[in-house]
Structure formats: C-alpha cells, structure tokens
C-alpha cells in the first residue's frame, strides 16, 4: 500500500522549506556560471557577425565595376 507523508510533520520544523532553500543554494553557483557563459557567448558572437557581414559586403563590392553595378 502506498502512503504519502509531508516532511517535518509534527516536528515544528519546516523541512520542506529548508530543503527547497538548500537546493536553491546548491544551484546558485551553476546559475551564475551559466549566466557568465551566456554573456561571453554574446560578446563573442557580435564581432563574428560583424566580420561575416563585412566579408559578404566586401565580396559583393569586388564584383562592382562601376557605379551602375553598385546601384543595382
């Protein structure tokens, strides 16, 4: 027969709240690291995108022999 119980019933201590806080405290360093990784990826991706766009633009400009070619 399956039974259910609550943590800390009858002890006067909110064990469920304590457990939730312990788990959150353990996850905090991981969350900070994930945030720093995300920020670093953003800082890296901006110059990469700029470089890619510059290369595409310069490649297109190489094919322009006149102003008319450029404006088309």
N, C-alpha and C. Protein backbone atom coordinates (compact mmCIF):
# COMPACT_ATOMS: atom_id res chain seq x y z
N UNK A 1 0.84 -1.16 0.00
CA UNK A 1 0.00 0.00 0.00
C UNK A 1 0.89 1.24 0.00
N UNK A 2 0.60 2.17 -0.88
CA UNK A 2 1.39 3.39 -0.97
C UNK A 2 0.89 4.40 0.06
N UNK A 3 1.85 5.09 0.65
CA UNK A 3 1.50 6.13 1.61
C UNK A 3 2.17 7.42 1.20
N UNK A 4 1.57 8.51 1.62
CA UNK A 4 2.18 9.82 1.38
C UNK A 4 2.42 10.48 2.72
N UNK A 5 3.47 11.28 2.76
CA UNK A 5 3.77 11.99 4.00
C UNK A 5 4.36 13.34 3.67
N UNK A 6 4.33 14.22 4.63
CA UNK A 6 4.93 15.53 4.47
C UNK A 6 6.18 15.59 5.31
N UNK A 7 7.19 16.28 4.79
CA UNK A 7 8.43 16.43 5.54
C UNK A 7 8.18 17.25 6.80
N UNK A 8 8.66 16.78 7.92
CA UNK A 8 8.65 17.57 9.15
C UNK A 8 7.33 17.63 9.88
N UNK A 9 6.35 16.81 9.50
CA UNK A 9 5.06 16.86 10.18
C UNK A 9 5.27 16.48 11.64
N UNK A 10 4.77 17.33 12.52
CA UNK A 10 4.86 17.05 13.95
C UNK A 10 6.13 17.52 14.61
N UNK A 11 7.11 17.97 13.84
CA UNK A 11 8.38 18.39 14.45
C UNK A 11 8.41 19.88 14.72
N UNK A 12 7.54 20.62 14.06
CA UNK A 12 7.55 22.07 14.21
C UNK A 12 8.60 22.73 13.34
N UNK A 13 9.29 21.95 12.53
CA UNK A 13 10.34 22.47 11.64
C UNK A 13 9.83 22.35 10.20
N UNK A 14 9.96 23.41 9.46
CA UNK A 14 9.52 23.41 8.06
C UNK A 14 10.64 22.81 7.20
N UNK A 15 10.70 21.48 7.17
CA UNK A 15 11.77 20.80 6.44
C UNK A 15 11.64 20.99 4.93
N UNK A 16 10.42 21.08 4.45
CA UNK A 16 10.23 21.27 3.01
C UNK A 16 10.82 22.61 2.57
N UNK A 17 10.60 23.65 3.35
CA UNK A 17 11.16 24.96 3.05
C UNK A 17 12.69 24.92 3.13
N UNK A 18 13.20 24.24 4.14
CA UNK A 18 14.66 24.12 4.29
C UNK A 18 15.25 23.39 3.09
N UNK A 19 14.61 22.31 2.67
CA UNK A 19 15.09 21.53 1.54
C UNK A 19 15.07 22.37 0.26
N UNK A 20 14.00 23.12 0.07
CA UNK A 20 13.90 24.00 -1.11
C UNK A 20 15.03 25.02 -1.12
N UNK A 21 15.33 25.60 0.03
CA UNK A 21 16.39 26.60 0.12
C UNK A 21 17.77 25.98 -0.10
N UNK A 22 17.98 24.77 0.42
CA UNK A 22 19.26 24.08 0.21
C UNK A 22 19.46 23.80 -1.27
N UNK A 23 18.43 23.31 -1.94
CA UNK A 23 18.54 23.01 -3.37
C UNK A 23 18.82 24.30 -4.16
N UNK A 24 18.13 25.37 -3.81
CA UNK A 24 18.36 26.66 -4.50
C UNK A 24 19.78 27.14 -4.27
N UNK A 25 20.30 26.97 -3.05
CA UNK A 25 21.67 27.40 -2.74
C UNK A 25 22.68 26.57 -3.53
N UNK A 26 22.39 25.30 -3.72
CA UNK A 26 23.31 24.44 -4.49
C UNK A 26 23.29 24.81 -5.97
N UNK A 27 22.15 25.26 -6.47
CA UNK A 27 22.03 25.61 -7.88
C UNK A 27 22.59 27.00 -8.18
N UNK A 28 22.72 27.85 -7.19
CA UNK A 28 23.15 29.24 -7.40
C UNK A 28 24.48 29.35 -8.14
N UNK A 29 25.54 28.61 -7.74
CA UNK A 29 26.80 28.73 -8.49
C UNK A 29 26.67 28.31 -9.95
N UNK A 30 25.87 27.29 -10.19
CA UNK A 30 25.67 26.82 -11.56
C UNK A 30 24.97 27.90 -12.38
N UNK A 31 23.97 28.52 -11.78
CA UNK A 31 23.25 29.59 -12.46
C UNK A 31 24.17 30.75 -12.79
N UNK A 32 25.03 31.12 -11.85
CA UNK A 32 25.98 32.22 -12.10
C UNK A 32 26.93 31.86 -13.24
N UNK A 33 27.41 30.63 -13.25
CA UNK A 33 28.33 30.19 -14.30
C UNK A 33 27.62 30.20 -15.65
N UNK A 34 26.38 29.69 -15.69
CA UNK A 34 25.63 29.68 -16.94
C UNK A 34 25.39 31.10 -17.45
N UNK A 35 25.15 32.04 -16.54
CA UNK A 35 24.95 33.44 -16.92
C UNK A 35 26.23 34.00 -17.52
N UNK A 36 27.37 33.72 -16.88
CA UNK A 36 28.65 34.22 -17.40
C UNK A 36 28.96 33.62 -18.77
N UNK A 37 28.65 32.34 -18.96
CA UNK A 37 28.88 31.70 -20.25
C UNK A 37 28.01 32.36 -21.32
N UNK A 38 26.76 32.61 -20.98
CA UNK A 38 25.85 33.27 -21.93
C UNK A 38 26.35 34.65 -22.30
N UNK A 39 26.81 35.42 -21.31
CA UNK A 39 27.34 36.76 -21.57
C UNK A 39 28.58 36.69 -22.46
N UNK A 40 29.44 35.72 -22.20
CA UNK A 40 30.66 35.57 -23.02
C UNK A 40 30.30 35.20 -24.45
N UNK A 41 29.33 34.31 -24.61
CA UNK A 41 28.91 33.92 -25.96
C UNK A 41 28.35 35.10 -26.72
N UNK A 42 27.62 35.96 -26.04
CA UNK A 42 27.07 37.16 -26.68
C UNK A 42 28.20 38.08 -27.11
N UNK A 43 29.18 38.29 -26.24
CA UNK A 43 30.31 39.15 -26.58
C UNK A 43 31.10 38.61 -27.76
N UNK A 44 31.19 37.31 -27.86
CA UNK A 44 31.93 36.69 -28.96
C UNK A 44 31.13 36.75 -30.25
N UNK A 45 29.83 36.53 -30.16
CA UNK A 45 29.02 36.43 -31.38
C UNK A 45 28.88 37.76 -32.12
N UNK A 46 28.88 38.87 -31.41
CA UNK A 46 28.72 40.17 -32.07
C UNK A 46 29.86 40.43 -33.06
N UNK A 47 31.14 40.33 -32.65
CA UNK A 47 32.21 40.55 -33.63
C UNK A 47 32.20 39.52 -34.77
N UNK A 48 31.81 38.31 -34.46
CA UNK A 48 31.75 37.27 -35.51
C UNK A 48 30.71 37.66 -36.56
N UNK A 49 29.53 38.10 -36.10
CA UNK A 49 28.50 38.52 -37.05
C UNK A 49 28.94 39.75 -37.85
N UNK A 50 29.58 40.70 -37.19
CA UNK A 50 30.06 41.88 -37.90
C UNK A 50 31.09 41.49 -38.96
N UNK A 51 31.98 40.61 -38.59
CA UNK A 51 33.00 40.16 -39.54
C UNK A 51 32.37 39.45 -40.73
N UNK A 52 31.41 38.58 -40.45
CA UNK A 52 30.73 37.85 -41.53
C UNK A 52 30.02 38.83 -42.47
N UNK A 53 29.33 39.81 -41.89
CA UNK A 53 28.63 40.80 -42.72
C UNK A 53 29.61 41.64 -43.53
N UNK A 54 30.74 41.99 -42.92
CA UNK A 54 31.76 42.76 -43.64
C UNK A 54 32.30 41.94 -44.82
N UNK A 55 32.53 40.67 -44.59
CA UNK A 55 33.06 39.81 -45.66
C UNK A 55 32.05 39.70 -46.80
N UNK A 56 30.77 39.54 -46.46
CA UNK A 56 29.75 39.46 -47.50
C UNK A 56 29.67 40.76 -48.30
N UNK A 57 29.73 41.87 -47.60
CA UNK A 57 29.67 43.17 -48.25
C UNK A 57 30.89 43.38 -49.16
N UNK A 58 32.05 43.08 -48.65
CA UNK A 58 33.26 43.29 -49.46
C UNK A 58 33.28 42.36 -50.67
N UNK A 59 32.76 41.16 -50.51
CA UNK A 59 32.69 40.22 -51.64
C UNK A 59 31.77 40.79 -52.73
N UNK A 60 30.65 41.38 -52.31
CA UNK A 60 29.73 41.98 -53.28
C UNK A 60 30.38 43.19 -53.96
N UNK A 61 31.11 43.99 -53.19
CA UNK A 61 31.75 45.18 -53.76
C UNK A 61 32.83 44.82 -54.77
N UNK A 62 33.49 43.69 -54.60
CA UNK A 62 34.53 43.27 -55.55
C UNK A 62 33.94 43.05 -56.94
N UNK A 63 32.66 42.68 -57.01
CA UNK A 63 32.03 42.41 -58.30
C UNK A 63 31.49 43.67 -58.97
N UNK A 64 31.58 44.78 -58.30
CA UNK A 64 31.09 46.05 -58.88
C UNK A 64 32.22 46.70 -59.67
N UNK A 65 31.95 46.91 -60.95
CA UNK A 65 32.94 47.56 -61.80
C UNK A 65 32.62 49.02 -62.04
N UNK A 66 31.41 49.40 -61.71
CA UNK A 66 31.01 50.79 -61.92
C UNK A 66 29.93 51.17 -60.92
N UNK A 67 29.59 52.43 -60.89
CA UNK A 67 28.52 52.91 -60.01
C UNK A 67 27.18 52.26 -60.36
N UNK A 68 26.97 52.05 -61.65
CA UNK A 68 25.73 51.41 -62.08
C UNK A 68 25.64 49.99 -61.51
N UNK A 69 26.73 49.26 -61.52
CA UNK A 69 26.74 47.91 -60.93
C UNK A 69 26.43 47.98 -59.43
N UNK A 70 26.99 48.97 -58.78
CA UNK A 70 26.80 49.13 -57.34
C UNK A 70 25.34 49.42 -56.99
N UNK A 71 24.69 50.23 -57.82
CA UNK A 71 23.31 50.63 -57.52
C UNK A 71 22.28 49.58 -57.88
N UNK A 72 22.65 48.57 -58.60
CA UNK A 72 21.69 47.54 -58.99
C UNK A 72 21.38 46.61 -57.88
